[in-house]
Amino acid sequence: MSRDDSGDRRDARPGDGDGAGSDESAPSIPELELDVARTREEFARTLDAIEDKLSVPAHARRLRDSVSRRWHDDPRPVVAAGVAGVVGLASLVAGVVRIARR
């Protein structure tokens, strides 16, 4: 495979381009090695991005940093969200206890 001018991959076949059937248009070994290295780098970046999206500790760290920034900017919304969470959790526990006693 090689890349055309737009960066898209295409199949490289001997004789493509000049119609004479010669191997002059086929990529050289250094060109192929460079293409393989670029593809490996692109693949590594893609895997890193997927790993970051699936990483629970990374999400927790970003959430903690976001809450910390918001706390320093204006703590009232953070306190309100915390109170709402506690009230919701208390309601859930009360509902479970009520159902369990039946």
PDB file of N, CA and C in Angstrom:
ATOM      1  N   MET A   1       0.841  -1.175   0.000  1.00  0.00           N
ATOM      2  CA  MET A   1       0.000   0.000   0.000  1.00  0.00           C
ATOM      3  C   MET A   1       0.882   1.233   0.000  1.00  0.00           C
ATOM      4  N   SER A   2       0.416   2.265  -0.622  1.00  0.00           N
ATOM      5  CA  SER A   2       1.108   3.552  -0.583  1.00  0.00           C
ATOM      6  C   SER A   2       0.070   4.633  -0.420  1.00  0.00           C
ATOM      7  N   ARG A   3       0.551   5.836  -0.250  1.00  0.00           N
ATOM      8  CA  ARG A   3      -0.362   6.958  -0.078  1.00  0.00           C
ATOM      9  C   ARG A   3      -0.324   7.810  -1.338  1.00  0.00           C
ATOM     10  N   ASP A   4      -1.508   8.268  -1.752  1.00  0.00           N
ATOM     11  CA  ASP A   4      -1.520   9.205  -2.862  1.00  0.00           C
ATOM     12  C   ASP A   4      -1.347  10.610  -2.294  1.00  0.00           C
ATOM     13  N   ASP A   5      -1.398  11.637  -3.133  1.00  0.00           N
ATOM     14  CA  ASP A   5      -1.137  13.007  -2.696  1.00  0.00           C
ATOM     15  C   ASP A   5      -2.112  13.485  -1.634  1.00  0.00           C
ATOM     16  N   SER A   6      -3.328  12.965  -1.584  1.00  0.00           N
ATOM     17  CA  SER A   6      -4.319  13.410  -0.606  1.00  0.00           C
ATOM     18  C   SER A   6      -4.148  12.712   0.738  1.00  0.00           C
ATOM     19  N   GLY A   7      -3.222  11.750   0.856  1.00  0.00           N
ATOM     20  CA  GLY A   7      -3.018  11.044   2.107  1.00  0.00           C
ATOM     21  C   GLY A   7      -3.816   9.764   2.200  1.00  0.00           C
ATOM     22  N   ASP A   8      -4.671   9.477   1.216  1.00  0.00           N
ATOM     23  CA  ASP A   8      -5.468   8.259   1.231  1.00  0.00           C
ATOM     24  C   ASP A   8      -4.596   7.086   0.807  1.00  0.00           C
ATOM     25  N   ARG A   9      -4.898   5.946   1.397  1.00  0.00           N
ATOM     26  CA  ARG A   9      -4.151   4.747   1.015  1.00  0.00           C
ATOM     27  C   ARG A   9      -4.748   4.158  -0.265  1.00  0.00           C
ATOM     28  N   ARG A  10      -3.893   3.584  -1.060  1.00  0.00           N
ATOM     29  CA  ARG A  10      -4.346   2.881  -2.248  1.00  0.00           C
ATOM     30  C   ARG A  10      -3.413   1.698  -2.463  1.00  0.00           C
ATOM     31  N   ASP A  11      -3.894   0.703  -3.183  1.00  0.00           N
ATOM     32  CA  ASP A  11      -3.051  -0.451  -3.480  1.00  0.00           C
ATOM     33  C   ASP A  11      -1.989  -0.048  -4.488  1.00  0.00           C
ATOM     34  N   ALA A  12      -0.750  -0.381  -4.194  1.00  0.00           N
ATOM     35  CA  ALA A  12       0.340  -0.110  -5.129  1.00  0.00           C
ATOM     36  C   ALA A  12       0.565  -1.372  -5.948  1.00  0.00           C
ATOM     37  N   ARG A  13       0.483  -1.242  -7.235  1.00  0.00           N
ATOM     38  CA  ARG A  13       0.689  -2.371  -8.133  1.00  0.00           C
ATOM     39  C   ARG A  13       1.778  -2.000  -9.131  1.00  0.00           C
ATOM     40  N   PRO A  14       2.638  -2.930  -9.453  1.00  0.00           N
ATOM     41  CA  PRO A  14       3.652  -2.639 -10.460  1.00  0.00           C
ATOM     42  C   PRO A  14       2.991  -2.188 -11.751  1.00  0.00           C
ATOM     43  N   GLY A  15       3.520  -1.130 -12.311  1.00  0.00           N
ATOM     44  CA  GLY A  15       2.997  -0.644 -13.574  1.00  0.00           C
ATOM     45  C   GLY A  15       1.913   0.390 -13.432  1.00  0.00           C
ATOM     46  N   ASP A  16       1.377   0.608 -12.243  1.00  0.00           N
ATOM     47  CA  ASP A  16       0.359   1.640 -12.062  1.00  0.00           C
ATOM     48  C   ASP A  16       0.965   3.003 -12.358  1.00  0.00           C
ATOM     49  N   GLY A  17       0.227   3.807 -13.015  1.00  0.00           N
ATOM     50  CA  GLY A  17       0.644   5.186 -13.219  1.00  0.00           C
ATOM     51  C   GLY A  17       1.196   5.453 -14.598  1.00  0.00           C
ATOM     52  N   ASP A  18       2.177   4.652 -15.064  1.00  0.00           N
ATOM     53  CA  ASP A  18       2.762   4.974 -16.361  1.00  0.00           C
ATOM     54  C   ASP A  18       2.241   4.078 -17.470  1.00  0.00           C
ATOM     55  N   GLY A  19       1.559   3.011 -17.125  1.00  0.00           N
ATOM     56  CA  GLY A  19       0.954   2.146 -18.120  1.00  0.00           C
ATOM     57  C   GLY A  19       1.946   1.283 -18.867  1.00  0.00           C
ATOM     58  N   ALA A  20       3.260   1.399 -18.567  1.00  0.00           N
ATOM     59  CA  ALA A  20       4.267   0.644 -19.290  1.00  0.00           C
ATOM     60  C   ALA A  20       4.546  -0.707 -18.660  1.00  0.00           C
ATOM     61  N   GLY A  21       4.057  -0.928 -17.444  1.00  0.00           N
ATOM     62  CA  GLY A  21       4.281  -2.213 -16.808  1.00  0.00           C
ATOM     63  C   GLY A  21       5.618  -2.314 -16.112  1.00  0.00           C
ATOM     64  N   SER A  22       6.354  -1.214 -15.972  1.00  0.00           N
ATOM     65  CA  SER A  22       7.650  -1.265 -15.301  1.00  0.00           C
ATOM     66  C   SER A  22       7.455  -1.112 -13.796  1.00  0.00           C
ATOM     67  N   ASP A  23       8.479  -1.472 -13.043  1.00  0.00           N
ATOM     68  CA  ASP A  23       8.430  -1.365 -11.588  1.00  0.00           C
ATOM     69  C   ASP A  23       8.920  -0.013 -11.092  1.00  0.00           C
ATOM     70  N   GLU A  24       9.123   0.954 -11.976  1.00  0.00           N
ATOM     71  CA  GLU A  24       9.634   2.261 -11.561  1.00  0.00           C
ATOM     72  C   GLU A  24       8.664   2.980 -10.631  1.00  0.00           C
ATOM     73  N   SER A  25       7.364   2.739 -10.767  1.00  0.00           N
ATOM     74  CA  SER A  25       6.386   3.429  -9.928  1.00  0.00           C
ATOM     75  C   SER A  25       6.176   2.717  -8.591  1.00  0.00           C
ATOM     76  N   ALA A  26       6.714   1.514  -8.437  1.00  0.00           N
ATOM     77  CA  ALA A  26       6.576   0.783  -7.175  1.00  0.00           C
ATOM     78  C   ALA A  26       7.418   1.477  -6.110  1.00  0.00           C
ATOM     79  N   PRO A  27       6.904   1.535  -4.884  1.00  0.00           N
ATOM     80  CA  PRO A  27       7.661   2.203  -3.828  1.00  0.00           C
ATOM     81  C   PRO A  27       8.946   1.444  -3.503  1.00  0.00           C
ATOM     82  N   SER A  28       9.969   2.190  -3.146  1.00  0.00           N
ATOM     83  CA  SER A  28      11.239   1.572  -2.783  1.00  0.00           C
ATOM     84  C   SER A  28      11.153   1.033  -1.357  1.00  0.00           C
ATOM     85  N   ILE A  29      12.135   0.251  -0.974  1.00  0.00           N
ATOM     86  CA  ILE A  29      12.153  -0.323   0.375  1.00  0.00           C
ATOM     87  C   ILE A  29      12.195   0.781   1.436  1.00  0.00           C
ATOM     88  N   PRO A  30      13.029   1.816   1.302  1.00  0.00           N
ATOM     89  CA  PRO A  30      12.993   2.881   2.315  1.00  0.00           C
ATOM     90  C   PRO A  30      11.624   3.573   2.397  1.00  0.00           C
ATOM     91  N   GLU A  31      10.960   3.738   1.247  1.00  0.00           N
ATOM     92  CA  GLU A  31       9.621   4.335   1.261  1.00  0.00           C
ATOM     93  C   GLU A  31       8.634   3.428   1.991  1.00  0.00           C
ATOM     94  N   LEU A  32       8.733   2.130   1.745  1.00  0.00           N
ATOM     95  CA  LEU A  32       7.859   1.181   2.434  1.00  0.00           C
ATOM     96  C   LEU A  32       8.133   1.174   3.936  1.00  0.00           C
ATOM     97  N   GLU A  33       9.420   1.208   4.314  1.00  0.00           N
ATOM     98  CA  GLU A  33       9.769   1.233   5.737  1.00  0.00           C
ATOM     99  C   GLU A  33       9.240   2.499   6.406  1.00  0.00           C
ATOM    100  N   LEU A  34       9.330   3.631   5.708  1.00  0.00           N
ATOM    101  CA  LEU A  34       8.812   4.888   6.241  1.00  0.00           C
ATOM    102  C   LEU A  34       7.293   4.814   6.398  1.00  0.00           C
ATOM    103  N   ASP A  35       6.625   4.232   5.408  1.00  0.00           N
ATOM    104  CA  ASP A  35       5.168   4.087   5.480  1.00  0.00           C
ATOM    105  C   ASP A  35       4.771   3.174   6.643  1.00  0.00           C
ATOM    106  N   VAL A  36       5.522   2.095   6.847  1.00  0.00           N
ATOM    107  CA  VAL A  36       5.250   1.186   7.961  1.00  0.00           C
ATOM    108  C   VAL A  36       5.454   1.910   9.288  1.00  0.00           C
ATOM    109  N   ALA A  37       6.516   2.704   9.400  1.00  0.00           N
ATOM    110  CA  ALA A  37       6.781   3.450  10.639  1.00  0.00           C
ATOM    111  C   ALA A  37       5.661   4.450  10.914  1.00  0.00           C
ATOM    112  N   ARG A  38       5.216   5.145   9.881  1.00  0.00           N
ATOM    113  CA  ARG A  38       4.113   6.102  10.053  1.00  0.00           C
ATOM    114  C   ARG A  38       2.831   5.387  10.481  1.00  0.00           C
ATOM    115  N   THR A  39       2.568   4.254   9.861  1.00  0.00           N
ATOM    116  CA  THR A  39       1.371   3.488  10.199  1.00  0.00           C
ATOM    117  C   THR A  39       1.432   2.998  11.643  1.00  0.00           C
ATOM    118  N   ARG A  40       2.620   2.552  12.071  1.00  0.00           N
ATOM    119  CA  ARG A  40       2.775   2.117  13.464  1.00  0.00           C
ATOM    120  C   ARG A  40       2.530   3.267  14.434  1.00  0.00           C
ATOM    121  N   GLU A  41       3.059   4.448  14.124  1.00  0.00           N
ATOM    122  CA  GLU A  41       2.852   5.618  14.986  1.00  0.00           C
ATOM    123  C   GLU A  41       1.368   5.981  15.055  1.00  0.00           C
ATOM    124  N   GLU A  42       0.701   5.959  13.901  1.00  0.00           N
ATOM    125  CA  GLU A  42      -0.733   6.264  13.859  1.00  0.00           C
ATOM    126  C   GLU A  42      -1.525   5.233  14.668  1.00  0.00           C
ATOM    127  N   PHE A  43      -1.164   3.976  14.524  1.00  0.00           N
ATOM    128  CA  PHE A  43      -1.829   2.904  15.260  1.00  0.00           C
ATOM    129  C   PHE A  43      -1.610   3.069  16.765  1.00  0.00           C
ATOM    130  N   ALA A  44      -0.389   3.415  17.168  1.00  0.00           N
ATOM    131  CA  ALA A  44      -0.089   3.622  18.589  1.00  0.00           C
ATOM    132  C   ALA A  44      -0.903   4.781  19.151  1.00  0.00           C
ATOM    133  N   ARG A  45      -1.025   5.877  18.386  1.00  0.00           N
ATOM    134  CA  ARG A  45      -1.839   7.015  18.843  1.00  0.00           C
ATOM    135  C   ARG A  45      -3.302   6.612  18.983  1.00  0.00           C
ATOM    136  N   THR A  46      -3.789   5.823  18.038  1.00  0.00           N
ATOM    137  CA  THR A  46      -5.181   5.367  18.099  1.00  0.00           C
ATOM    138  C   THR A  46      -5.406   4.484  19.323  1.00  0.00           C
ATOM    139  N   LEU A  47      -4.494   3.563  19.576  1.00  0.00           N
ATOM    140  CA  LEU A  47      -4.623   2.697  20.752  1.00  0.00           C
ATOM    141  C   LEU A  47      -4.551   3.500  22.045  1.00  0.00           C
ATOM    142  N   ASP A  48      -3.664   4.508  22.094  1.00  0.00           N
ATOM    143  CA  ASP A  48      -3.578   5.364  23.285  1.00  0.00           C
ATOM    144  C   ASP A  48      -4.888   6.098  23.518  1.00  0.00           C
ATOM    145  N   ALA A  49      -5.503   6.594  22.446  1.00  0.00           N
ATOM    146  CA  ALA A  49      -6.777   7.312  22.576  1.00  0.00           C
ATOM    147  C   ALA A  49      -7.879   6.373  23.066  1.00  0.00           C
ATOM    148  N   ILE A  50      -7.916   5.158  22.541  1.00  0.00           N
ATOM    149  CA  ILE A  50      -8.921   4.181  22.975  1.00  0.00           C
ATOM    150  C   ILE A  50      -8.694   3.819  24.440  1.00  0.00           C
ATOM    151  N   GLU A  51      -7.435   3.589  24.804  1.00  0.00           N
ATOM    152  CA  GLU A  51      -7.113   3.249  26.193  1.00  0.00           C
ATOM    153  C   GLU A  51      -7.522   4.377  27.137  1.00  0.00           C
ATOM    154  N   ASP A  52      -7.284   5.621  26.731  1.00  0.00           N
ATOM    155  CA  ASP A  52      -7.655   6.764  27.565  1.00  0.00           C
ATOM    156  C   ASP A  52      -9.170   6.852  27.730  1.00  0.00           C
ATOM    157  N   LYS A  53      -9.911   6.588  26.661  1.00  0.00           N
ATOM    158  CA  LYS A  53     -11.377   6.651  26.746  1.00  0.00           C
ATOM    159  C   LYS A  53     -11.938   5.554  27.647  1.00  0.00           C
ATOM    160  N   LEU A  54     -11.282   4.408  27.699  1.00  0.00           N
ATOM    161  CA  LEU A  54     -11.782   3.281  28.483  1.00  0.00           C
ATOM    162  C   LEU A  54     -11.205   3.233  29.897  1.00  0.00           C
ATOM    163  N   SER A  55     -10.309   4.144  30.220  1.00  0.00           N
ATOM    164  CA  SER A  55      -9.623   4.123  31.506  1.00  0.00           C
ATOM    165  C   SER A  55     -10.469   4.781  32.591  1.00  0.00           C
ATOM    166  N   VAL A  56     -10.949   3.984  33.539  1.00  0.00           N
ATOM    167  CA  VAL A  56     -11.740   4.513  34.654  1.00  0.00           C
ATOM    168  C   VAL A  56     -10.898   5.453  35.519  1.00  0.00           C
ATOM    169  N   PRO A  57      -9.651   5.108  35.868  1.00  0.00           N
ATOM    170  CA  PRO A  57      -8.855   6.048  36.666  1.00  0.00           C
ATOM    171  C   PRO A  57      -8.638   7.394  35.968  1.00  0.00           C
ATOM    172  N   ALA A  58      -8.471   7.374  34.655  1.00  0.00           N
ATOM    173  CA  ALA A  58      -8.294   8.638  33.928  1.00  0.00           C
ATOM    174  C   ALA A  58      -9.567   9.474  33.991  1.00  0.00           C
ATOM    175  N   HIS A  59     -10.722   8.828  33.841  1.00  0.00           N
ATOM    176  CA  HIS A  59     -11.996   9.556  33.945  1.00  0.00           C
ATOM    177  C   HIS A  59     -12.176  10.112  35.355  1.00  0.00           C
ATOM    178  N   ALA A  60     -11.835   9.323  36.367  1.00  0.00           N
ATOM    179  CA  ALA A  60     -11.968   9.780  37.757  1.00  0.00           C
ATOM    180  C   ALA A  60     -11.049  10.969  38.018  1.00  0.00           C
ATOM    181  N   ARG A  61      -9.834  10.915  37.498  1.00  0.00           N
ATOM    182  CA  ARG A  61      -8.887  12.024  37.667  1.00  0.00           C
ATOM    183  C   ARG A  61      -9.410  13.288  37.003  1.00  0.00           C
ATOM    184  N   ARG A  62      -9.946  13.155  35.783  1.00  0.00           N
ATOM    185  CA  ARG A  62     -10.490  14.335  35.089  1.00  0.00           C
ATOM    186  C   ARG A  62     -11.692  14.903  35.833  1.00  0.00           C
ATOM    187  N   LEU A  63     -12.554  14.030  36.365  1.00  0.00           N
ATOM    188  CA  LEU A  63     -13.710  14.487  37.131  1.00  0.00           C
ATOM    189  C   LEU A  63     -13.259  15.210  38.398  1.00  0.00           C
ATOM    190  N   ARG A  64     -12.293  14.635  39.091  1.00  0.00           N
ATOM    191  CA  ARG A  64     -11.764  15.267  40.303  1.00  0.00           C
ATOM    192  C   ARG A  64     -11.177  16.647  39.984  1.00  0.00           C
ATOM    193  N   ASP A  65     -10.405  16.735  38.910  1.00  0.00           N
ATOM    194  CA  ASP A  65      -9.818  18.021  38.519  1.00  0.00           C
ATOM    195  C   ASP A  65     -10.897  19.032  38.164  1.00  0.00           C
ATOM    196  N   SER A  66     -11.935  18.581  37.471  1.00  0.00           N
ATOM    197  CA  SER A  66     -13.035  19.469  37.083  1.00  0.00           C
ATOM    198  C   SER A  66     -13.777  19.990  38.311  1.00  0.00           C
ATOM    199  N   VAL A  67     -14.077  19.099  39.248  1.00  0.00           N
ATOM    200  CA  VAL A  67     -14.779  19.511  40.470  1.00  0.00           C
ATOM    201  C   VAL A  67     -13.903  20.461  41.276  1.00  0.00           C
ATOM    202  N   SER A  68     -12.619  20.178  41.331  1.00  0.00           N
ATOM    203  CA  SER A  68     -11.694  21.048  42.065  1.00  0.00           C
ATOM    204  C   SER A  68     -11.664  22.450  41.460  1.00  0.00           C
ATOM    205  N   ARG A  69     -11.606  22.531  40.131  1.00  0.00           N
ATOM    206  CA  ARG A  69     -11.621  23.849  39.462  1.00  0.00           C
ATOM    207  C   ARG A  69     -12.926  24.579  39.750  1.00  0.00           C
ATOM    208  N   ARG A  70     -14.033  23.855  39.655  1.00  0.00           N
ATOM    209  CA  ARG A  70     -15.336  24.480  39.920  1.00  0.00           C
ATOM    210  C   ARG A  70     -15.439  24.928  41.372  1.00  0.00           C
ATOM    211  N   TRP A  71     -14.897  24.130  42.291  1.00  0.00           N
ATOM    212  CA  TRP A  71     -14.930  24.478  43.711  1.00  0.00           C
ATOM    213  C   TRP A  71     -14.183  25.792  43.950  1.00  0.00           C
ATOM    214  N   HIS A  72     -13.041  25.937  43.301  1.00  0.00           N
ATOM    215  CA  HIS A  72     -12.249  27.156  43.480  1.00  0.00           C
ATOM    216  C   HIS A  72     -12.892  28.355  42.790  1.00  0.00           C
ATOM    217  N   ASP A  73     -13.597  28.125  41.687  1.00  0.00           N
ATOM    218  CA  ASP A  73     -14.269  29.226  40.980  1.00  0.00           C
ATOM    219  C   ASP A  73     -15.496  29.704  41.750  1.00  0.00           C
ATOM    220  N   ASP A  74     -16.384  28.781  42.099  1.00  0.00           N
ATOM    221  CA  ASP A  74     -17.614  29.120  42.824  1.00  0.00           C
ATOM    222  C   ASP A  74     -18.117  27.845  43.492  1.00  0.00           C
ATOM    223  N   PRO A  75     -17.977  27.730  44.813  1.00  0.00           N
ATOM    224  CA  PRO A  75     -18.322  26.471  45.488  1.00  0.00           C
ATOM    225  C   PRO A  75     -19.815  26.193  45.603  1.00  0.00           C
ATOM    226  N   ARG A  76     -20.667  27.186  45.404  1.00  0.00           N
ATOM    227  CA  ARG A  76     -22.109  26.968  45.606  1.00  0.00           C
ATOM    228  C   ARG A  76     -22.687  25.868  44.723  1.00  0.00           C
ATOM    229  N   PRO A  77     -22.419  25.844  43.414  1.00  0.00           N
ATOM    230  CA  PRO A  77     -22.979  24.744  42.602  1.00  0.00           C
ATOM    231  C   PRO A  77     -22.461  23.366  43.028  1.00  0.00           C
ATOM    232  N   VAL A  78     -21.205  23.312  43.452  1.00  0.00           N
ATOM    233  CA  VAL A  78     -20.642  22.028  43.890  1.00  0.00           C
ATOM    234  C   VAL A  78     -21.335  21.566  45.172  1.00  0.00           C
ATOM    235  N   VAL A  79     -21.558  22.498  46.104  1.00  0.00           N
ATOM    236  CA  VAL A  79     -22.259  22.166  47.348  1.00  0.00           C
ATOM    237  C   VAL A  79     -23.686  21.731  47.038  1.00  0.00           C
ATOM    238  N   ALA A  80     -24.356  22.454  46.141  1.00  0.00           N
ATOM    239  CA  ALA A  80     -25.736  22.105  45.772  1.00  0.00           C
ATOM    240  C   ALA A  80     -25.795  20.705  45.159  1.00  0.00           C
ATOM    241  N   ALA A  81     -24.839  20.390  44.289  1.00  0.00           N
ATOM    242  CA  ALA A  81     -24.814  19.056  43.679  1.00  0.00           C
ATOM    243  C   ALA A  81     -24.557  17.992  44.743  1.00  0.00           C
ATOM    244  N   GLY A  82     -23.676  18.282  45.688  1.00  0.00           N
ATOM    245  CA  GLY A  82     -23.400  17.335  46.768  1.00  0.00           C
ATOM    246  C   GLY A  82     -24.624  17.094  47.633  1.00  0.00           C
ATOM    247  N   VAL A  83     -25.337  18.177  47.984  1.00  0.00           N
ATOM    248  CA  VAL A  83     -26.556  18.044  48.792  1.00  0.00           C
ATOM    249  C   VAL A  83     -27.605  17.239  48.031  1.00  0.00           C
ATOM    250  N   ALA A  84     -27.761  17.534  46.746  1.00  0.00           N
ATOM    251  CA  ALA A  84     -28.735  16.791  45.934  1.00  0.00           C
ATOM    252  C   ALA A  84     -28.369  15.306  45.878  1.00  0.00           C
ATOM    253  N   GLY A  85     -27.087  15.008  45.769  1.00  0.00           N
ATOM    254  CA  GLY A  85     -26.648  13.616  45.753  1.00  0.00           C
ATOM    255  C   GLY A  85     -26.939  12.908  47.059  1.00  0.00           C
ATOM    256  N   VAL A  86     -26.690  13.593  48.175  1.00  0.00           N
ATOM    257  CA  VAL A  86     -26.960  12.996  49.490  1.00  0.00           C
ATOM    258  C   VAL A  86     -28.455  12.760  49.674  1.00  0.00           C
ATOM    259  N   VAL A  87     -29.278  13.740  49.286  1.00  0.00           N
ATOM    260  CA  VAL A  87     -30.734  13.590  49.401  1.00  0.00           C
ATOM    261  C   VAL A  87     -31.214  12.430  48.527  1.00  0.00           C
ATOM    262  N   GLY A  88     -30.694  12.344  47.314  1.00  0.00           N
ATOM    263  CA  GLY A  88     -31.074  11.245  46.422  1.00  0.00           C
ATOM    264  C   GLY A  88     -30.678   9.896  46.981  1.00  0.00           C
ATOM    265  N   LEU A  89     -29.468   9.809  47.516  1.00  0.00           N
ATOM    266  CA  LEU A  89     -29.008   8.551  48.100  1.00  0.00           C
ATOM    267  C   LEU A  89     -29.845   8.178  49.323  1.00  0.00           C
ATOM    268  N   ALA A  90     -30.168   9.162  50.161  1.00  0.00           N
ATOM    269  CA  ALA A  90     -30.999   8.901  51.345  1.00  0.00           C
ATOM    270  C   ALA A  90     -32.384   8.420  50.925  1.00  0.00           C
ATOM    271  N   SER A  91     -32.943   9.020  49.886  1.00  0.00           N
ATOM    272  CA  SER A  91     -34.257   8.592  49.386  1.00  0.00           C
ATOM    273  C   SER A  91     -34.202   7.164  48.862  1.00  0.00           C
ATOM    274  N   LEU A  92     -33.146   6.837  48.168  1.00  0.00           N
ATOM    275  CA  LEU A  92     -32.981   5.486  47.637  1.00  0.00           C
ATOM    276  C   LEU A  92     -32.887   4.471  48.773  1.00  0.00           C
ATOM    277  N   VAL A  93     -32.076   4.773  49.765  1.00  0.00           N
ATOM    278  CA  VAL A  93     -31.928   3.861  50.905  1.00  0.00           C
ATOM    279  C   VAL A  93     -33.260   3.712  51.638  1.00  0.00           C
ATOM    280  N   ALA A  94     -33.967   4.825  51.853  1.00  0.00           N
ATOM    281  CA  ALA A  94     -35.270   4.764  52.535  1.00  0.00           C
ATOM    282  C   ALA A  94     -36.255   3.910  51.742  1.00  0.00           C
ATOM    283  N   GLY A  95     -36.240   4.039  50.422  1.00  0.00           N
ATOM    284  CA  GLY A  95     -37.125   3.229  49.582  1.00  0.00           C
ATOM    285  C   GLY A  95     -36.796   1.757  49.668  1.00  0.00           C
ATOM    286  N   VAL A  96     -35.519   1.420  49.658  1.00  0.00           N
ATOM    287  CA  VAL A  96     -35.104   0.018  49.756  1.00  0.00           C
ATOM    288  C   VAL A  96     -35.495  -0.552  51.115  1.00  0.00           C
ATOM    289  N   VAL A  97     -35.291   0.226  52.180  1.00  0.00           N
ATOM    290  CA  VAL A  97     -35.666  -0.233  53.525  1.00  0.00           C
ATOM    291  C   VAL A  97     -37.168  -0.452  53.610  1.00  0.00           C
ATOM    292  N   ARG A  98     -37.930   0.467  53.048  1.00  0.00           N
ATOM    293  CA  ARG A  98     -39.394   0.355  53.086  1.00  0.00           C
ATOM    294  C   ARG A  98     -39.853  -0.905  52.342  1.00  0.00           C
ATOM    295  N   ILE A  99     -39.266  -1.162  51.177  1.00  0.00           N
ATOM    296  CA  ILE A  99     -39.633  -2.352  50.397  1.00  0.00           C
ATOM    297  C   ILE A  99     -39.213  -3.620  51.139  1.00  0.00           C
ATOM    298  N   ALA A 100     -38.051  -3.587  51.777  1.00  0.00           N
ATOM    299  CA  ALA A 100     -37.547  -4.772  52.480  1.00  0.00           C
ATOM    300  C   ALA A 100     -38.400  -5.118  53.692  1.00  0.00           C
ATOM    301  N   ARG A 101     -39.053  -4.154  54.296  1.00  0.00           N
ATOM    302  CA  ARG A 101     -39.864  -4.400  55.490  1.00  0.00           C
ATOM    303  C   ARG A 101     -41.235  -4.965  55.152  1.00  0.00           C
ATOM    304  N   ARG A 102     -41.634  -4.943  53.922  1.00  0.00           N
ATOM    305  CA  ARG A 102     -42.963  -5.443  53.542  1.00  0.00           C
ATOM    306  C   ARG A 102     -43.041  -6.927  53.624  1.00  0.00           C
TER     307      ARG A 102
END
